[in-house]
């Protein structure tokens, strides 16, 4: 299958690259490569991408796209996010086909995590 005209890479703002790397490495096991003090790339995330230094954040309230992670254990993932300095923006809620919650990384960027587990 060709990668021609497929989504290949994603970039996010970060107010603190060091904090970003520590958070995503601890919670999700991402691996980072630095390209100077204002940019790092990540791997081991399902889709490769990077973080660039910025005073901006992404949020669905601002009209940003929402990046959604999958988890086999929603509560465990939520606990990991909280212990690594993230915050819950929307508590776990059901939706057709699963459950999910929204969280912010320590920089304030919004993401979500969903699961089919626990919907029996």
Foldseek 3Di string as FASTA:
>chain_A
DDCVPPDAEDEFEFQAQVLVVQLCCQLPVWDWDDDPRFKIWIDPQVHTYIYGYDLDAADVVVVHDAAEAEDQDAVVSVVSQVVSQKAWPAPWDDDVQWIKTWIAHNRGHIYMYIYNPPVD
